[in-house]
């Protein structure tokens, strides 16, 4: 009895015609909605040693017995079952039923639609159920159809709180800052290994006089991703575009970092009326060089094998400047936390998206554009950004000294100053 937590009530219903036709109990006792249980479970210490069970059908007493009438004691049942299968905490054992079932009547008596069955046990209460009409829809089907066996990763929110339905997926989106009626609109798009939280220094600076839209790309931050979903730069851009369409946005400023720059440019090229100003912080090559493609695919494989811990040292080590590693431990910590907070599968799929990107023609941009990088940015080198600047008519470029690829973590004040100066 030390292994028994307590007791509840089970009404072990049986479809006798199925039991009859199949000559065994499983099918007869397993239809949808059968075996109701409850209404509560009670610790054995709160109950008397002997429990009485009584069953009524439409108010007529059909069964009455106590636990003293059990053919096999509860300790014997636990011992016997555990000899053949492992019992775990929370397992429920049904002990059987007293005499009085309708199947044993002569003539037999069967339950019919509208009948009410009430099972009462000492100290637990009563379990009451009604037999549904034959034509009643099976509620189990609706519940099962709303579920999926397809794995969903990065499901961090509590029941989807904070997520916005975007097509057939859910994306984390927040509107912050000033009233959207008159204030300038700014949209943030983070990079690989980041989330909308990367922009927190800019958000803090801008929230007083601008309406801010923050999004976690699918598989990043708080946005889940389904195993059926293939991530790509166009898919990221399409999700952001749908959110902007839902919000009826136009003429906005977009601030992007790293891989998010490709997403932002794709968004601007396919939605020319949407984006007015563009801030690109550390835009990566488009496409990646062959060596970069191979290493990015290899990183995705490593993450799937060892998790984010398998790549955090390499990515953070190469992504930050020597000065940041030497003198800015908070930048190192922020970068590592951002990476370690990522879902491995979401990150791996985004690596594949970045490695698979086709050439994005930055020269077709018509938006007012500001490019920012660091002197020690190995992803978005100053030379690469100079080439982007030459392609984008009227664009401006700023190179921050002693800064790597995680600009806002390494020199937040300088980045905030440059970006807000550009946006006004």
Protein backbone atom coordinates (compact mmCIF):
# COMPACT_ATOMS: atom_id res chain seq x y z
CA UNK A 1 0.00 0.00 0.00
CA UNK A 2 3.04 2.31 0.23
CA UNK A 3 2.88 2.54 -3.57
CA UNK A 4 -0.80 3.56 -3.61
CA UNK A 5 -1.34 7.33 -3.58
CA UNK A 6 -5.11 7.34 -3.43
CA UNK A 7 -8.40 6.63 -5.16
CA UNK A 8 -10.76 7.95 -7.81
CA UNK A 9 -13.85 6.62 -9.60
CA UNK A 10 -13.87 4.92 -13.01
CA UNK A 11 -17.00 3.98 -14.93
CA UNK A 12 -15.58 1.23 -17.12
CA UNK A 13 -18.20 1.32 -19.88
CA UNK A 14 -18.54 -1.61 -22.30
CA UNK A 15 -20.00 -1.79 -25.81
CA UNK A 16 -21.37 -5.30 -25.39
CA UNK A 17 -22.09 -5.85 -29.11
CA UNK A 18 -18.43 -5.17 -29.91
CA UNK A 19 -17.30 -7.42 -27.07
CA UNK A 20 -19.65 -10.11 -28.39
CA UNK A 21 -18.55 -9.80 -32.02
CA UNK A 22 -14.81 -9.75 -31.32
CA UNK A 23 -14.77 -12.26 -28.47
CA UNK A 24 -12.50 -10.13 -26.29
CA UNK A 25 -12.80 -7.07 -24.07
CA UNK A 26 -10.39 -4.53 -25.58
CA UNK A 27 -12.53 -3.28 -28.48
CA UNK A 28 -15.68 -3.30 -26.37
CA UNK A 29 -14.10 -1.14 -23.67
CA UNK A 30 -12.10 1.28 -25.84
CA UNK A 31 -14.46 3.39 -28.00
CA UNK A 32 -14.03 7.17 -27.95
CA UNK A 33 -15.45 8.81 -24.78
CA UNK A 34 -15.56 5.49 -22.85
CA UNK A 35 -14.05 5.05 -19.38
CA UNK A 36 -14.97 8.39 -17.75
CA UNK A 37 -12.95 9.01 -14.59
CA UNK A 38 -13.21 11.42 -11.67
CA UNK A 39 -14.48 13.87 -10.61
CA UNK A 40 -11.41 14.05 -8.30
CA UNK A 41 -8.65 11.85 -6.92
CA UNK A 42 -8.29 11.73 -3.13
CA UNK A 43 -5.20 10.67 -1.11
CA UNK A 44 -5.75 7.43 0.77
CA UNK A 45 -4.88 9.17 4.06
CA UNK A 46 -8.02 11.28 3.67
CA UNK A 47 -10.25 8.22 3.22
CA UNK A 48 -11.46 5.42 5.51
CA UNK A 49 -9.91 1.96 5.20
CA UNK A 50 -13.10 0.51 3.69
CA UNK A 51 -14.77 2.33 0.81
CA UNK A 52 -18.35 1.75 -0.34
CA UNK A 53 -19.29 1.97 -4.02
CA UNK A 54 -22.86 2.45 -5.25
CA UNK A 55 -24.11 2.73 -8.84
CA UNK A 56 -27.45 4.17 -9.96
CA UNK A 57 -29.04 4.17 -13.42
CA UNK A 58 -31.74 6.84 -13.72
CA UNK A 59 -31.96 6.84 -9.90
CA UNK A 60 -32.35 3.06 -9.64
CA UNK A 61 -29.70 1.33 -7.50
CA UNK A 62 -27.88 -1.27 -9.57
CA UNK A 63 -24.68 -1.95 -7.61
CA UNK A 64 -23.56 -1.76 -4.00
CA UNK A 65 -20.38 -3.22 -2.45
CA UNK A 66 -17.23 -2.29 -0.51
CA UNK A 67 -13.51 -2.72 -1.03
CA UNK A 68 -13.70 -5.63 1.43
CA UNK A 69 -15.55 -7.53 -1.34
CA UNK A 70 -12.59 -7.39 -3.74
CA UNK A 71 -11.59 -10.92 -4.85
CA UNK A 72 -7.92 -9.85 -4.91
CA UNK A 73 -6.59 -7.25 -2.50
CA UNK A 74 -5.14 -3.98 -3.80
CA UNK A 75 -1.56 -4.87 -2.69
CA UNK A 76 -1.91 -8.19 -4.52
CA UNK A 77 -3.10 -6.39 -7.68
CA UNK A 78 -0.14 -3.98 -7.55
CA UNK A 79 2.30 -6.88 -6.98
CA UNK A 80 0.86 -8.99 -9.79
CA UNK A 81 0.78 -6.19 -12.37
CA UNK A 82 4.31 -5.03 -11.54
CA UNK A 83 5.66 -8.52 -12.16
CA UNK A 84 4.89 -8.06 -15.86
CA UNK A 85 5.09 -4.34 -16.50
CA UNK A 86 6.73 -1.25 -15.04
CA UNK A 87 4.36 0.88 -12.97
CA UNK A 88 5.07 4.61 -12.76
CA UNK A 89 3.78 7.45 -10.63
CA UNK A 90 0.42 8.55 -11.97
CA UNK A 91 -0.59 5.17 -13.40
CA UNK A 92 -4.25 4.31 -12.78
CA UNK A 93 -5.34 0.77 -11.98
CA UNK A 94 -9.00 -0.19 -12.43
CA UNK A 95 -9.98 -2.92 -9.97
CA UNK A 96 -13.20 -4.31 -11.43
CA UNK A 97 -16.87 -3.90 -10.57
CA UNK A 98 -19.43 -5.39 -8.17
CA UNK A 99 -22.33 -7.56 -9.26
CA UNK A 100 -25.27 -5.77 -10.85
CA UNK A 101 -24.22 -4.96 -14.40
CA UNK A 102 -27.03 -5.07 -16.95
CA UNK A 103 -25.28 -7.80 -18.91
CA UNK A 104 -25.87 -10.14 -15.98
CA UNK A 105 -29.63 -9.48 -15.79
CA UNK A 106 -32.14 -12.00 -17.17
CA UNK A 107 -33.43 -10.69 -19.44
CA UNK A 108 -30.37 -8.51 -20.08
CA UNK A 109 -30.72 -4.77 -19.57
CA UNK A 110 -28.69 -2.35 -21.71
CA UNK A 111 -28.07 1.36 -21.41
CA UNK A 112 -29.80 3.56 -23.98
CA UNK A 113 -29.56 7.20 -25.08
CA UNK A 114 -30.62 9.56 -22.30
CA UNK A 115 -29.81 7.17 -19.44
CA UNK A 116 -27.91 8.72 -16.53
CA UNK A 117 -25.29 6.66 -14.68
CA UNK A 118 -24.16 7.82 -11.26
CA UNK A 119 -21.29 6.09 -9.46
CA UNK A 120 -20.60 7.16 -5.87
CA UNK A 121 -17.67 6.21 -3.59
CA UNK A 122 -17.19 7.05 0.07
CA UNK A 123 -15.23 10.29 0.52
CA UNK A 124 -14.68 10.86 -3.21
CA UNK A 125 -18.08 11.96 -4.42
CA UNK A 126 -20.09 10.98 -7.48
CA UNK A 127 -19.19 10.48 -11.13
CA UNK A 128 -22.24 11.25 -13.28
CA UNK A 129 -22.51 10.61 -17.04
CA UNK A 130 -25.27 10.44 -19.61
CA UNK A 131 -25.55 8.19 -22.65
CA UNK A 132 -25.53 10.43 -25.73
CA UNK A 133 -27.99 10.12 -28.63
CA UNK A 134 -26.80 8.00 -31.54
CA UNK A 135 -26.73 11.03 -33.83
CA UNK A 136 -24.59 13.14 -31.47
CA UNK A 137 -21.29 14.23 -33.01
CA UNK A 138 -18.19 12.62 -31.51
CA UNK A 139 -16.37 15.43 -29.69
CA UNK A 140 -13.17 13.39 -29.67
CA UNK A 141 -12.88 13.78 -33.45
CA UNK A 142 -12.90 17.58 -33.23
CA UNK A 143 -10.25 17.49 -30.52
CA UNK A 144 -7.99 15.10 -32.45
CA UNK A 145 -8.37 17.06 -35.69
CA UNK A 146 -7.18 20.19 -33.88
CA UNK A 147 -4.01 18.41 -32.79
CA UNK A 148 -1.03 17.30 -34.87
CA UNK A 149 1.51 14.51 -34.61
CA UNK A 150 3.99 16.62 -36.58
CA UNK A 151 6.77 17.77 -34.22
CA UNK A 152 6.81 21.48 -33.39
CA UNK A 153 10.07 22.84 -32.01
CA UNK A 154 10.79 26.06 -30.11
CA UNK A 155 7.34 25.96 -28.50
CA UNK A 156 8.33 28.14 -25.54
CA UNK A 157 5.17 30.14 -24.91
CA UNK A 158 2.44 29.07 -22.53
CA UNK A 159 -0.36 27.88 -24.79
CA UNK A 160 0.63 30.29 -27.56
CA UNK A 161 0.30 33.45 -25.44
CA UNK A 162 1.86 36.37 -27.33
CA UNK A 163 1.86 34.61 -30.70
CA UNK A 164 0.08 35.98 -33.78
CA UNK A 165 -1.49 33.76 -36.42
CA UNK A 166 0.32 34.37 -39.70
CA UNK A 167 -1.09 32.14 -42.43
CA UNK A 168 -0.76 28.58 -41.16
CA UNK A 169 1.86 29.38 -38.53
CA UNK A 170 2.21 31.36 -35.31
CA UNK A 171 4.79 34.15 -35.00
CA UNK A 172 5.83 36.19 -31.97
CA UNK A 173 5.00 39.86 -32.59
CA UNK A 174 4.79 42.90 -30.31
CA UNK A 175 3.91 46.55 -30.89
CA UNK A 176 5.74 48.91 -28.57
CA UNK A 177 6.31 52.61 -28.15
CA UNK A 178 4.14 55.56 -29.08
CA UNK A 179 0.59 55.57 -30.43
CA UNK A 180 0.51 54.24 -34.01
CA UNK A 181 -1.79 57.00 -35.24
CA UNK A 182 0.82 59.70 -35.79
CA UNK A 183 4.25 58.35 -34.81
CA UNK A 184 6.80 57.08 -37.36
CA UNK A 185 6.73 53.29 -37.73
CA UNK A 186 9.88 51.21 -37.23
CA UNK A 187 10.12 47.45 -37.81
CA UNK A 188 13.02 45.36 -36.46
CA UNK A 189 14.30 42.14 -38.10
CA UNK A 190 16.96 40.22 -36.18
CA UNK A 191 19.65 37.93 -37.53
CA UNK A 192 20.74 34.30 -37.26
CA UNK A 193 21.15 33.35 -33.60
CA UNK A 194 19.33 36.46 -32.44
CA UNK A 195 15.83 37.52 -31.55
CA UNK A 196 13.86 40.72 -31.26
CA UNK A 197 15.52 41.24 -27.86
CA UNK A 198 18.78 42.06 -29.68
CA UNK A 199 17.34 45.49 -30.48
CA UNK A 200 16.52 46.38 -26.87
CA UNK A 201 18.95 49.39 -26.71
CA UNK A 202 17.35 50.86 -29.85
CA UNK A 203 13.85 50.09 -28.59
CA UNK A 204 14.57 51.90 -25.34
CA UNK A 205 15.78 54.97 -27.23
CA UNK A 206 12.96 55.08 -29.79
CA UNK A 207 9.89 54.04 -27.81
CA UNK A 208 9.10 57.59 -26.71
CA UNK A 209 8.34 59.01 -30.15
CA UNK A 210 8.06 56.07 -32.57
CA UNK A 211 5.77 53.06 -32.97
CA UNK A 212 7.95 49.97 -32.87
CA UNK A 213 7.15 46.57 -34.36
CA UNK A 214 9.27 43.66 -33.13
CA UNK A 215 9.13 40.16 -34.60
CA UNK A 216 10.85 36.86 -33.90
CA UNK A 217 11.47 35.05 -37.17
CA UNK A 218 10.10 31.52 -37.40
CA UNK A 219 12.14 29.15 -35.24
CA UNK A 220 13.87 32.01 -33.36
CA UNK A 221 13.16 33.66 -30.03
CA UNK A 222 9.57 32.78 -29.14
CA UNK A 223 8.36 31.82 -32.64
CA UNK A 224 7.90 28.04 -33.06
CA UNK A 225 8.56 26.10 -36.24
CA UNK A 226 6.89 22.96 -37.54
CA UNK A 227 8.74 19.98 -38.98
CA UNK A 228 6.69 20.55 -42.15
CA UNK A 229 8.02 24.10 -42.54
CA UNK A 230 11.05 24.85 -44.72
CA UNK A 231 12.72 28.10 -43.76
CA UNK A 232 14.19 30.45 -46.35
CA UNK A 233 14.90 34.14 -46.78
CA UNK A 234 11.72 34.49 -48.90
CA UNK A 235 9.65 32.63 -46.26
CA UNK A 236 10.93 34.95 -43.51
CA UNK A 237 10.18 37.99 -45.68
CA UNK A 238 6.71 36.68 -46.54
CA UNK A 239 5.86 36.21 -42.85
CA UNK A 240 6.97 39.77 -42.02
CA UNK A 241 5.08 41.13 -45.04
CA UNK A 242 1.88 39.40 -43.92
CA UNK A 243 2.19 40.91 -40.46
CA UNK A 244 2.69 44.36 -42.03
CA UNK A 245 -0.34 43.78 -44.24
CA UNK A 246 -2.43 42.78 -41.22
CA UNK A 247 -1.35 46.02 -39.53
CA UNK A 248 -1.94 48.06 -42.71
CA UNK A 249 1.58 49.50 -42.55
CA UNK A 250 3.24 51.55 -45.29
CA UNK A 251 6.21 53.88 -45.60
CA UNK A 252 7.97 52.36 -42.60
CA UNK A 253 11.60 52.21 -41.53
CA UNK A 254 13.15 48.74 -41.23
CA UNK A 255 16.15 48.09 -38.99
CA UNK A 256 17.82 44.73 -39.62
CA UNK A 257 20.85 42.81 -38.40
CA UNK A 258 22.96 40.12 -40.10
CA UNK A 259 20.79 37.52 -41.88
CA UNK A 260 17.84 39.83 -41.16
CA UNK A 261 19.37 42.27 -43.66
CA UNK A 262 18.69 39.78 -46.46
CA UNK A 263 15.14 39.43 -45.14
CA UNK A 264 14.72 43.21 -45.01
CA UNK A 265 16.06 43.71 -48.55
CA UNK A 266 13.81 40.93 -49.85
CA UNK A 267 10.90 42.62 -48.07
CA UNK A 268 11.75 46.02 -49.59
CA UNK A 269 12.22 44.63 -53.11
CA UNK A 270 8.92 42.73 -53.11
CA UNK A 271 6.96 45.44 -51.25
CA UNK A 272 8.31 48.78 -52.54
CA UNK A 273 5.49 50.82 -50.97
CA UNK A 274 6.05 49.28 -47.56
CA UNK A 275 9.67 50.24 -46.82
CA UNK A 276 10.82 53.88 -46.93
CA UNK A 277 14.02 53.76 -44.87
CA UNK A 278 16.39 50.85 -44.43
CA UNK A 279 19.09 50.31 -41.82
CA UNK A 280 21.34 47.31 -42.55
CA UNK A 281 23.63 46.32 -39.69
CA UNK A 282 26.21 43.78 -40.82
CA UNK A 283 24.64 42.51 -44.07
CA UNK A 284 26.23 39.15 -45.00
CA UNK A 285 27.42 38.27 -48.52
CA UNK A 286 24.77 37.44 -51.10
CA UNK A 287 25.21 34.65 -51.91
CA UNK A 288 27.66 33.20 -49.41
CA UNK A 289 31.00 32.12 -50.88
CA UNK A 290 31.39 28.37 -51.40
CA UNK A 291 33.44 27.98 -48.22
CA UNK A 292 30.80 29.87 -46.28
CA UNK A 293 28.05 27.67 -47.67
CA UNK A 294 29.88 24.49 -46.64
CA UNK A 295 30.67 25.78 -43.15
CA UNK A 296 27.10 26.98 -42.59
CA UNK A 297 25.64 23.62 -43.63
CA UNK A 298 28.20 21.94 -41.36
CA UNK A 299 27.14 24.22 -38.50
CA UNK A 300 23.51 23.14 -38.99
CA UNK A 301 24.54 19.48 -38.80
CA UNK A 302 26.64 20.11 -35.70
CA UNK A 303 23.79 21.91 -33.93
CA UNK A 304 21.43 19.03 -34.68
CA UNK A 305 23.98 16.61 -33.23
CA UNK A 306 25.21 18.53 -30.18
CA UNK A 307 22.81 21.44 -29.65
CA UNK A 308 23.75 25.09 -29.37
CA UNK A 309 26.54 24.21 -26.95
CA UNK A 310 28.34 22.64 -29.91
CA UNK A 311 28.72 25.96 -31.75
CA UNK A 312 28.50 28.75 -29.18
CA UNK A 313 32.25 29.01 -28.57
CA UNK A 314 33.06 29.17 -32.29
CA UNK A 315 30.28 31.59 -33.24
CA UNK A 316 30.81 33.93 -30.30
CA UNK A 317 34.58 33.70 -30.66
CA UNK A 318 34.58 34.71 -34.32
CA UNK A 319 31.64 37.09 -34.07
CA UNK A 320 33.10 39.53 -31.54
CA UNK A 321 36.08 41.82 -31.93
CA UNK A 322 39.34 41.25 -30.03
CA UNK A 323 38.59 44.42 -28.07
CA UNK A 324 35.19 43.11 -27.02
CA UNK A 325 36.68 39.80 -25.91
CA UNK A 326 39.33 41.63 -23.89
CA UNK A 327 37.39 44.53 -22.38
CA UNK A 328 33.66 43.90 -22.73
CA UNK A 329 32.60 40.74 -20.87
CA UNK A 330 28.93 41.81 -20.97
CA UNK A 331 29.00 41.76 -24.78
CA UNK A 332 30.47 38.27 -24.66
CA UNK A 333 27.82 37.16 -22.17
CA UNK A 334 24.96 38.70 -24.18
CA UNK A 335 26.15 37.03 -27.38
CA UNK A 336 26.49 33.64 -25.73
CA UNK A 337 23.10 33.95 -24.03
CA UNK A 338 21.48 34.89 -27.34
CA UNK A 339 22.97 31.84 -29.02
CA UNK A 340 22.36 29.40 -26.17
CA UNK A 341 18.75 30.60 -25.95
CA UNK A 342 18.05 29.46 -29.50
CA UNK A 343 16.16 26.29 -30.33
CA UNK A 344 18.70 23.97 -32.04
CA UNK A 345 16.34 22.86 -34.80
CA UNK A 346 15.13 26.40 -35.50
CA UNK A 347 18.74 27.61 -35.64
CA UNK A 348 19.79 24.71 -37.89
CA UNK A 349 16.94 25.41 -40.31
CA UNK A 350 17.90 29.09 -40.41
CA UNK A 351 21.52 28.12 -41.15
CA UNK A 352 20.22 26.15 -44.10
CA UNK A 353 18.13 29.13 -45.20
CA UNK A 354 21.17 31.40 -45.14
CA UNK A 355 23.40 28.88 -46.92
CA UNK A 356 20.77 28.31 -49.61
CA UNK A 357 20.04 31.96 -50.40
CA UNK A 358 20.27 32.98 -54.03
CA UNK A 359 21.74 36.30 -55.06
CA UNK A 360 19.71 39.19 -53.67
CA UNK A 361 20.27 42.19 -55.91
CA UNK A 362 20.90 45.04 -53.50
CA UNK A 363 21.36 47.39 -56.48
CA UNK A 364 17.60 47.32 -57.10
CA UNK A 365 16.88 48.98 -53.77
CA UNK A 366 15.10 52.34 -54.08
CA UNK A 367 14.88 53.03 -50.37
CA UNK A 368 16.98 55.46 -48.37
CA UNK A 369 19.59 53.11 -46.93
CA UNK A 370 22.14 53.26 -44.13
CA UNK A 371 24.73 50.48 -43.79
CA UNK A 372 26.59 49.92 -40.53
CA UNK A 373 29.35 47.42 -39.79
CA UNK A 374 32.38 46.96 -37.56
CA UNK A 375 36.04 47.18 -38.41
CA UNK A 376 36.45 43.60 -37.11
CA UNK A 377 33.21 42.20 -38.55
CA UNK A 378 34.24 38.96 -40.27
CA UNK A 379 30.73 38.30 -41.60
CA UNK A 380 30.07 41.74 -43.03
CA UNK A 381 33.51 43.14 -43.69
CA UNK A 382 34.04 46.86 -44.42
CA UNK A 383 35.06 45.93 -47.98
CA UNK A 384 31.81 44.00 -48.51
CA UNK A 385 29.78 46.90 -47.15
CA UNK A 386 31.63 49.31 -49.45
CA UNK A 387 30.52 47.16 -52.36
CA UNK A 388 26.93 47.22 -51.10
CA UNK A 389 27.17 51.00 -50.73
CA UNK A 390 28.33 51.34 -54.33
CA UNK A 391 25.36 49.27 -55.50
CA UNK A 392 22.67 51.15 -53.55
CA UNK A 393 22.21 54.62 -54.95
CA UNK A 394 22.52 57.37 -52.33
CA UNK A 395 23.26 54.99 -49.47
CA UNK A 396 25.51 55.82 -46.51
CA UNK A 397 28.04 53.63 -44.69
CA UNK A 398 29.46 53.80 -41.17
CA UNK A 399 32.28 51.56 -39.86
CA UNK A 400 32.58 51.32 -36.08
CA UNK A 401 36.11 50.77 -34.84
CA UNK A 402 36.96 47.73 -32.68
CA UNK A 403 33.51 46.22 -33.27
CA UNK A 404 32.73 42.74 -34.60
CA UNK A 405 29.44 41.37 -35.89
CA UNK A 406 27.28 41.86 -32.77
CA UNK A 407 27.28 45.65 -33.00
CA UNK A 408 24.53 46.47 -30.51
CA UNK A 409 26.08 44.21 -27.88
CA UNK A 410 29.59 45.57 -28.42
CA UNK A 411 28.97 49.33 -28.71
CA UNK A 412 25.28 49.99 -27.98
CA UNK A 413 25.63 53.75 -27.48
CA UNK A 414 27.49 54.26 -30.76
CA UNK A 415 25.03 52.11 -32.72
CA UNK A 416 21.99 53.81 -31.18
CA UNK A 417 23.46 57.21 -31.97
CA UNK A 418 24.19 56.39 -35.60
CA UNK A 419 20.84 54.72 -36.28
CA UNK A 420 18.72 57.40 -34.61
CA UNK A 421 20.70 60.10 -36.39
CA UNK A 422 19.87 58.47 -39.73
CA UNK A 423 16.18 57.89 -38.94
CA UNK A 424 15.67 61.30 -37.30
